[in-house]
């Protein structure tokens, strides 16, 4: 197809080729758009044809390539309308991936970048659509949480406590680390051959030890605990949100930059939508303990820490969980919500994915024999009572 270039060898903004591309877009002929654009050397592209190319990729749901192009075009987006278009193109991808909170944030950035709507995007309606989907997603999350926790409650009540067996400390330690290793653990029967004090063979030890060092520079007990104490702190984020909802203040919230404030506001929305369904004053440390105990078990299995350090650490976390929670219900409620929160903040605030993982976490307990046992109370707790 013929086209004309300006004095800088860039495609003219009013070249007739755009009429043909617009016509093909209206006909949903996105493959032909891509073919035509690709027939023009990249050094001759202007932003207009580049955005048409990205739009065609988006409409073909080739989001991986679209994201690559959106990244490449960023340095060339100087005008307000181009900045807005770039935000919109990326927001469209998130919207199509059911990540409406991320899409909403980008649509709002587009409006801020181009307040006079030179680009003609008319994004206010898109923002309203996002809000409707977000509300529905959170409604579904609350409904799912209510259903799974009712199932947990019913399962606990199937057998009276006087007919349930007590747990050993080692059994309880395995349970509180289940979620950390759930991808490898397919058997959740406490009568299975899983052992708390397991060891890898020599080949496995080398692989796991290298992974610990390459990813976290963990090589001994001190470096292991430093990572665990400073990295596994989801409950701090959750508690900050609860504090902000209750008081309108949490330390540092008013001094956040735009991106960090967006992160915090999304977290607030998650917590605000689920907190009313939770037991009063429930602790949210269960997830962090699960991650920590799972990490400690792996480190022991490849000889990064000693037997005595391992035993003492496990005992301290078993006692902590036993003190923080009084029942399977409270513990699982905390773990289920934290599991959803973890996915939420690590997966572009995807409410649907968070809800699915909350349900998966609850099913881990419902499909096991764990709830046939009494909630574990360590001896120190019994002595205090």
Protein backbone atom coordinates (compact mmCIF):
# COMPACT_ATOMS: atom_id res chain seq x y z
CA UNK A 1 0.00 0.00 0.00
CA UNK A 2 1.35 3.43 -0.91
CA UNK A 3 1.95 6.08 1.72
CA UNK A 4 3.76 9.41 2.04
CA UNK A 5 6.47 10.52 4.44
CA UNK A 6 7.35 13.95 5.79
CA UNK A 7 10.77 15.60 5.71
CA UNK A 8 11.85 13.42 8.67
CA UNK A 9 10.82 10.23 6.88
CA UNK A 10 7.85 9.79 9.22
CA UNK A 11 4.39 8.87 7.98
CA UNK A 12 2.19 11.90 7.44
CA UNK A 13 -0.53 12.32 10.06
CA UNK A 14 -3.20 12.81 7.39
CA UNK A 15 -2.00 10.13 4.98
CA UNK A 16 -4.90 8.33 3.23
CA UNK A 17 -3.62 5.04 4.66
CA UNK A 18 -5.40 5.90 7.91
CA UNK A 19 -8.78 5.97 6.19
CA UNK A 20 -8.14 2.42 5.01
CA UNK A 21 -6.97 1.31 8.47
CA UNK A 22 -10.03 2.88 10.11
CA UNK A 23 -12.27 1.11 7.60
CA UNK A 24 -10.59 -2.22 8.35
CA UNK A 25 -11.02 -1.57 12.07
CA UNK A 26 -14.74 -0.99 11.64
CA UNK A 27 -14.89 -4.30 9.74
CA UNK A 28 -12.98 -6.10 12.54
CA UNK A 29 -10.29 -7.05 10.03
CA UNK A 30 -7.45 -6.79 12.53
CA UNK A 31 -5.16 -9.26 10.76
CA UNK A 32 -5.10 -7.04 7.66
CA UNK A 33 -4.36 -3.99 9.81
CA UNK A 34 -1.37 -5.78 11.30
CA UNK A 35 -0.18 -6.86 7.85
CA UNK A 36 -0.39 -3.33 6.46
CA UNK A 37 1.34 -1.73 9.43
CA UNK A 38 4.09 -4.36 9.39
CA UNK A 39 4.69 -3.62 5.70
CA UNK A 40 5.86 -0.14 6.71
CA UNK A 41 9.39 0.04 8.18
CA UNK A 42 9.27 0.93 11.88
CA UNK A 43 11.53 3.90 11.40
CA UNK A 44 8.72 5.46 9.33
CA UNK A 45 5.97 4.93 11.91
CA UNK A 46 4.27 7.80 13.68
CA UNK A 47 2.34 7.38 16.92
CA UNK A 48 -0.99 7.28 15.13
CA UNK A 49 -0.19 4.15 13.14
CA UNK A 50 1.60 2.63 16.13
CA UNK A 51 -1.51 2.99 18.26
CA UNK A 52 -3.62 1.50 15.47
CA UNK A 53 -1.22 -1.47 15.49
CA UNK A 54 -1.55 -1.86 19.27
CA UNK A 55 -5.32 -1.58 19.02
CA UNK A 56 -5.39 -4.41 16.46
CA UNK A 57 -3.27 -6.60 18.75
CA UNK A 58 -5.60 -5.83 21.65
CA UNK A 59 -8.67 -6.70 19.61
CA UNK A 60 -7.04 -10.00 18.65
CA UNK A 61 -6.39 -10.53 22.40
CA UNK A 62 -2.68 -10.82 21.71
CA UNK A 63 -2.02 -9.02 24.96
CA UNK A 64 1.59 -10.18 25.31
CA UNK A 65 2.65 -8.48 22.06
CA UNK A 66 0.42 -5.49 22.79
CA UNK A 67 2.16 -4.97 26.14
CA UNK A 68 5.54 -5.11 24.40
CA UNK A 69 4.47 -2.40 21.96
CA UNK A 70 2.97 -0.26 24.73
CA UNK A 71 6.33 -0.41 26.50
CA UNK A 72 8.22 0.50 23.31
CA UNK A 73 6.04 3.48 22.46
CA UNK A 74 6.32 5.10 25.91
CA UNK A 75 9.35 7.35 25.14
CA UNK A 76 7.53 8.73 22.09
CA UNK A 77 4.38 9.69 24.00
CA UNK A 78 4.96 13.38 24.71
CA UNK A 79 1.66 15.00 23.82
CA UNK A 80 -1.21 14.74 26.34
CA UNK A 81 -3.36 12.81 23.88
CA UNK A 82 -0.62 10.24 23.24
CA UNK A 83 0.05 9.77 26.95
CA UNK A 84 -3.69 9.26 27.46
CA UNK A 85 -3.92 6.78 24.58
CA UNK A 86 -1.07 4.74 25.99
CA UNK A 87 -2.72 4.56 29.42
CA UNK A 88 -6.01 3.62 27.76
CA UNK A 89 -4.45 0.84 25.65
CA UNK A 90 -2.88 -0.74 28.73
CA UNK A 91 -6.04 -0.21 30.75
CA UNK A 92 -8.05 -2.01 28.07
CA UNK A 93 -5.79 -5.06 28.47
CA UNK A 94 -6.31 -5.15 32.23
CA UNK A 95 -10.06 -4.73 31.75
CA UNK A 96 -10.19 -7.66 29.33
CA UNK A 97 -8.22 -9.72 31.85
CA UNK A 98 -10.89 -9.01 34.50
CA UNK A 99 -8.53 -6.77 36.46
CA UNK A 100 -10.89 -3.84 36.68
CA UNK A 101 -9.13 -2.04 39.54
CA UNK A 102 -5.92 -1.85 37.51
CA UNK A 103 -7.88 -0.76 34.44
CA UNK A 104 -9.70 1.93 36.44
CA UNK A 105 -6.41 3.33 37.70
CA UNK A 106 -5.05 3.63 34.15
CA UNK A 107 -8.24 5.18 32.81
CA UNK A 108 -8.05 7.80 35.55
CA UNK A 109 -4.40 8.45 34.66
CA UNK A 110 -5.45 8.93 31.04
CA UNK A 111 -8.10 11.48 32.05
CA UNK A 112 -5.56 13.31 34.23
CA UNK A 113 -3.00 13.37 31.41
CA UNK A 114 -5.52 14.67 28.87
CA UNK A 115 -8.16 16.57 30.85
CA UNK A 116 -9.60 18.22 27.73
CA UNK A 117 -9.92 14.81 26.04
CA UNK A 118 -8.01 15.82 22.92
CA UNK A 119 -7.68 12.11 22.20
CA UNK A 120 -11.46 11.73 22.17
CA UNK A 121 -11.41 8.67 24.42
CA UNK A 122 -14.49 9.59 26.50
CA UNK A 123 -13.29 7.46 29.41
CA UNK A 124 -15.77 8.51 32.07
CA UNK A 125 -18.20 5.79 30.97
CA UNK A 126 -15.37 3.23 31.02
CA UNK A 127 -14.56 4.26 34.59
CA UNK A 128 -18.21 3.81 35.57
CA UNK A 129 -18.26 0.36 33.95
CA UNK A 130 -15.15 -0.61 35.91
CA UNK A 131 -16.77 0.47 39.17
CA UNK A 132 -19.83 -1.67 38.42
CA UNK A 133 -17.69 -4.74 37.74
CA UNK A 134 -15.57 -4.07 40.84
CA UNK A 135 -18.71 -3.93 43.00
CA UNK A 136 -19.97 -7.20 41.51
CA UNK A 137 -16.59 -8.87 42.02
CA UNK A 138 -16.41 -7.85 45.67
CA UNK A 139 -20.03 -8.94 46.18
CA UNK A 140 -19.06 -12.35 44.79
CA UNK A 141 -15.99 -12.46 47.02
CA UNK A 142 -18.07 -11.85 50.14
CA UNK A 143 -20.62 -14.44 49.07
CA UNK A 144 -17.91 -17.02 48.34
CA UNK A 145 -16.20 -16.37 51.67
CA UNK A 146 -19.50 -16.69 53.52
CA UNK A 147 -20.26 -19.98 51.76
CA UNK A 148 -16.88 -21.60 52.34
CA UNK A 149 -16.73 -20.54 55.97
CA UNK A 150 -20.24 -21.90 56.56
CA UNK A 151 -19.01 -25.17 55.05
CA UNK A 152 -16.02 -25.06 57.41
CA UNK A 153 -18.31 -24.41 60.38
CA UNK A 154 -20.65 -27.25 59.38
CA UNK A 155 -17.70 -29.59 58.89
CA UNK A 156 -16.30 -28.76 62.33
CA UNK A 157 -19.71 -29.40 63.91
CA UNK A 158 -20.14 -32.83 62.31
CA UNK A 159 -18.43 -34.50 65.26
CA UNK A 160 -18.58 -33.26 68.86
CA UNK A 161 -15.28 -32.32 70.47
CA UNK A 162 -15.38 -35.29 72.84
CA UNK A 163 -15.18 -37.59 69.83
CA UNK A 164 -12.23 -35.83 68.22
CA UNK A 165 -8.58 -36.79 68.63
CA UNK A 166 -5.91 -34.44 69.89
CA UNK A 167 -3.00 -33.35 67.72
CA UNK A 168 0.67 -33.83 68.42
CA UNK A 169 2.91 -30.78 68.17
CA UNK A 170 4.64 -32.12 65.04
CA UNK A 171 1.31 -32.78 63.33
CA UNK A 172 0.14 -29.25 64.07
CA UNK A 173 3.43 -27.83 62.75
CA UNK A 174 2.86 -29.63 59.45
CA UNK A 175 -0.67 -28.26 59.22
CA UNK A 176 0.33 -24.63 59.79
CA UNK A 177 2.86 -24.88 56.96
CA UNK A 178 0.55 -26.66 54.52
CA UNK A 179 -0.34 -23.60 52.46
CA UNK A 180 3.28 -22.63 51.99
CA UNK A 181 3.99 -25.98 50.37
CA UNK A 182 0.56 -26.81 48.98
CA UNK A 183 1.82 -27.00 45.38
CA UNK A 184 3.89 -30.03 46.32
CA UNK A 185 1.62 -31.51 48.93
CA UNK A 186 -1.15 -33.56 47.34
CA UNK A 187 -1.94 -35.64 50.43
CA UNK A 188 -3.41 -33.89 53.45
CA UNK A 189 -4.27 -36.93 55.53
CA UNK A 190 -2.50 -36.69 58.87
CA UNK A 191 -2.00 -40.46 58.83
CA UNK A 192 0.12 -40.18 55.67
CA UNK A 193 3.87 -40.57 55.63
CA UNK A 194 4.67 -36.85 55.68
CA UNK A 195 7.18 -35.98 58.38
CA UNK A 196 8.07 -32.68 59.95
CA UNK A 197 11.77 -33.58 60.14
CA UNK A 198 12.24 -34.63 56.51
CA UNK A 199 15.51 -34.42 54.56
CA UNK A 200 16.32 -34.08 50.88
CA UNK A 201 18.77 -36.41 49.19
CA UNK A 202 22.18 -34.97 48.30
CA UNK A 203 21.21 -33.89 44.79
CA UNK A 204 18.05 -32.19 46.02
CA UNK A 205 19.93 -30.49 48.87
CA UNK A 206 22.29 -28.85 46.41
CA UNK A 207 19.43 -27.61 44.21
CA UNK A 208 17.35 -26.21 47.08
CA UNK A 209 20.35 -24.68 48.85
CA UNK A 210 21.39 -22.92 45.66
CA UNK A 211 17.82 -21.62 45.22
CA UNK A 212 17.84 -20.21 48.76
CA UNK A 213 21.14 -18.43 48.19
CA UNK A 214 20.52 -17.20 44.64
CA UNK A 215 17.11 -15.75 45.49
CA UNK A 216 17.54 -14.64 49.11
CA UNK A 217 21.24 -15.03 50.01
CA UNK A 218 20.15 -17.46 52.71
CA UNK A 219 23.02 -19.62 53.90
CA UNK A 220 22.48 -20.05 57.66
CA UNK A 221 19.94 -19.61 60.45
CA UNK A 222 20.45 -15.85 60.88
CA UNK A 223 20.03 -15.04 57.18
CA UNK A 224 17.00 -17.35 57.02
CA UNK A 225 15.20 -15.67 59.90
CA UNK A 226 16.12 -12.20 58.64
CA UNK A 227 14.29 -12.96 55.38
CA UNK A 228 11.33 -14.57 57.13
CA UNK A 229 10.82 -11.74 59.61
CA UNK A 230 11.20 -8.95 57.03
CA UNK A 231 9.54 -10.50 53.97
CA UNK A 232 6.62 -12.45 55.40
CA UNK A 233 4.67 -9.55 56.89
CA UNK A 234 1.37 -9.56 55.04
CA UNK A 235 -0.49 -9.06 58.33
CA UNK A 236 1.16 -5.64 58.77
CA UNK A 237 -0.34 -4.40 55.49
CA UNK A 238 -3.73 -5.84 56.42
CA UNK A 239 -3.66 -4.31 59.90
CA UNK A 240 -2.64 -0.91 58.46
CA UNK A 241 -5.73 -1.00 56.28
CA UNK A 242 -7.97 -1.88 59.22
CA UNK A 243 -6.44 0.94 61.25
CA UNK A 244 -7.03 3.40 58.39
CA UNK A 245 -10.66 2.28 57.95
CA UNK A 246 -11.34 2.67 61.67
CA UNK A 247 -9.48 5.94 62.30
CA UNK A 248 -8.81 7.53 58.92
CA UNK A 249 -5.12 7.49 59.75
CA UNK A 250 -2.18 5.13 59.51
CA UNK A 251 1.49 6.03 59.73
CA UNK A 252 2.93 7.24 56.43
CA UNK A 253 -0.28 6.98 54.38
CA UNK A 254 -0.52 10.73 53.76
CA UNK A 255 3.02 10.90 52.36
CA UNK A 256 2.72 8.20 49.71
CA UNK A 257 3.50 8.92 46.06
CA UNK A 258 0.83 8.40 43.40
CA UNK A 259 1.59 4.73 42.68
CA UNK A 260 2.00 3.78 46.34
CA UNK A 261 -1.22 5.58 47.20
CA UNK A 262 -3.01 3.61 44.47
CA UNK A 263 -1.61 0.40 45.98
CA UNK A 264 -2.77 1.40 49.45
CA UNK A 265 -6.23 2.47 48.26
CA UNK A 266 -6.73 -0.88 46.49
CA UNK A 267 -5.76 -2.69 49.68
CA UNK A 268 -8.24 -0.54 51.61
CA UNK A 269 -11.02 -1.55 49.22
CA UNK A 270 -10.23 -5.25 49.67
CA UNK A 271 -10.14 -5.06 53.47
CA UNK A 272 -13.20 -2.82 53.69
CA UNK A 273 -15.20 -5.32 51.63
CA UNK A 274 -14.34 -8.36 53.74
CA UNK A 275 -13.82 -7.13 57.32
CA UNK A 276 -17.50 -7.20 58.31
CA UNK A 277 -17.58 -10.99 57.73
CA UNK A 278 -14.65 -11.71 60.03
CA UNK A 279 -14.61 -12.51 63.74
CA UNK A 280 -13.95 -9.47 65.91
CA UNK A 281 -10.26 -8.74 66.65
CA UNK A 282 -9.07 -11.69 64.56
CA UNK A 283 -5.32 -11.89 63.94
CA UNK A 284 -4.08 -12.04 60.34
CA UNK A 285 -0.69 -13.56 61.08
CA UNK A 286 -1.65 -17.09 59.97
CA UNK A 287 -0.46 -16.63 56.38
CA UNK A 288 2.93 -15.23 57.42
CA UNK A 289 3.46 -18.08 59.86
CA UNK A 290 2.53 -20.61 57.20
CA UNK A 291 5.09 -19.09 54.83
CA UNK A 292 7.73 -18.94 57.56
CA UNK A 293 7.30 -22.48 58.86
CA UNK A 294 7.25 -23.79 55.30
CA UNK A 295 10.49 -21.93 54.57
CA UNK A 296 12.10 -23.19 57.77
CA UNK A 297 11.15 -26.79 56.93
CA UNK A 298 12.76 -26.46 53.50
CA UNK A 299 15.91 -24.94 54.98
CA UNK A 300 16.22 -27.77 57.49
CA UNK A 301 15.67 -30.36 54.78
CA UNK A 302 18.76 -29.17 52.93
CA UNK A 303 20.93 -28.70 56.06
CA UNK A 304 20.99 -24.89 56.07
CA UNK A 305 19.95 -24.92 59.74
CA UNK A 306 20.66 -27.35 62.53
CA UNK A 307 18.29 -29.78 64.19
CA UNK A 308 18.23 -27.76 67.41
CA UNK A 309 17.54 -24.43 65.65
CA UNK A 310 14.82 -26.08 63.59
CA UNK A 311 13.10 -27.66 66.59
CA UNK A 312 13.22 -24.47 68.63
CA UNK A 313 11.87 -22.33 65.78
CA UNK A 314 9.06 -24.71 64.99
CA UNK A 315 8.06 -24.86 68.65
CA UNK A 316 7.97 -21.06 68.93
CA UNK A 317 5.67 -20.72 65.90
CA UNK A 318 3.41 -23.53 67.05
CA UNK A 319 3.00 -21.74 70.35
CA UNK A 320 2.37 -18.43 68.58
CA UNK A 321 -0.43 -19.86 66.43
CA UNK A 322 -1.93 -21.63 69.41
CA UNK A 323 -1.97 -18.35 71.34
CA UNK A 324 -3.29 -16.19 68.50
CA UNK A 325 -6.25 -18.42 67.60
CA UNK A 326 -8.80 -20.30 69.68
CA UNK A 327 -10.39 -22.49 67.04
CA UNK A 328 -10.04 -23.98 63.59
CA UNK A 329 -12.73 -21.58 62.40
CA UNK A 330 -10.83 -18.41 63.37
CA UNK A 331 -7.53 -19.78 62.09
CA UNK A 332 -8.95 -20.83 58.72
CA UNK A 333 -10.93 -17.59 58.33
CA UNK A 334 -7.69 -15.64 58.82
CA UNK A 335 -5.79 -17.90 56.43
CA UNK A 336 -8.48 -17.80 53.73
CA UNK A 337 -8.71 -13.99 53.77
CA UNK A 338 -4.93 -13.59 53.85
CA UNK A 339 -4.60 -16.02 50.92
CA UNK A 340 -6.97 -13.87 48.89
CA UNK A 341 -5.17 -10.70 49.98
CA UNK A 342 -1.82 -12.20 48.94
CA UNK A 343 -3.09 -12.97 45.43
CA UNK A 344 -4.80 -9.57 45.27
CA UNK A 345 -1.66 -7.52 45.90
CA UNK A 346 0.60 -9.78 43.82
CA UNK A 347 -1.64 -10.20 40.78
CA UNK A 348 -2.61 -6.66 39.71
CA UNK A 349 -5.49 -6.48 42.24
CA UNK A 350 -7.39 -9.26 40.49
CA UNK A 351 -10.51 -9.70 42.62
CA UNK A 352 -11.69 -12.82 40.78
CA UNK A 353 -8.33 -14.59 41.14
CA UNK A 354 -8.29 -13.64 44.84
CA UNK A 355 -11.76 -15.11 45.33
CA UNK A 356 -10.78 -18.32 43.56
CA UNK A 357 -7.71 -18.76 45.76
CA UNK A 358 -9.71 -18.09 48.90
CA UNK A 359 -12.03 -20.91 47.90
CA UNK A 360 -9.08 -23.19 47.06
CA UNK A 361 -7.54 -22.52 50.47
CA UNK A 362 -10.77 -23.40 52.28
CA UNK A 363 -11.12 -26.59 50.21
CA UNK A 364 -7.64 -27.65 51.32
CA UNK A 365 -9.08 -28.06 54.81
CA UNK A 366 -12.53 -29.27 53.80
CA UNK A 367 -11.07 -32.08 51.69
CA UNK A 368 -8.71 -33.28 54.42
CA UNK A 369 -9.19 -34.96 57.77
CA UNK A 370 -7.73 -31.97 59.65
CA UNK A 371 -11.09 -30.79 61.00
CA UNK A 372 -11.68 -34.19 62.59
CA UNK A 373 -9.07 -33.20 65.19
CA UNK A 374 -9.32 -30.82 68.11
CA UNK A 375 -7.77 -27.40 67.76
CA UNK A 376 -4.24 -27.64 69.13
CA UNK A 377 -3.51 -25.92 72.43
CA UNK A 378 0.10 -26.06 73.52
CA UNK A 379 0.98 -27.03 77.09
CA UNK A 380 2.03 -23.51 78.04
CA UNK A 381 -1.49 -22.31 77.11
CA UNK A 382 -3.08 -25.04 79.19
CA UNK A 383 -0.88 -24.13 82.16
CA UNK A 384 -1.90 -20.46 81.93
CA UNK A 385 -5.57 -21.39 81.83
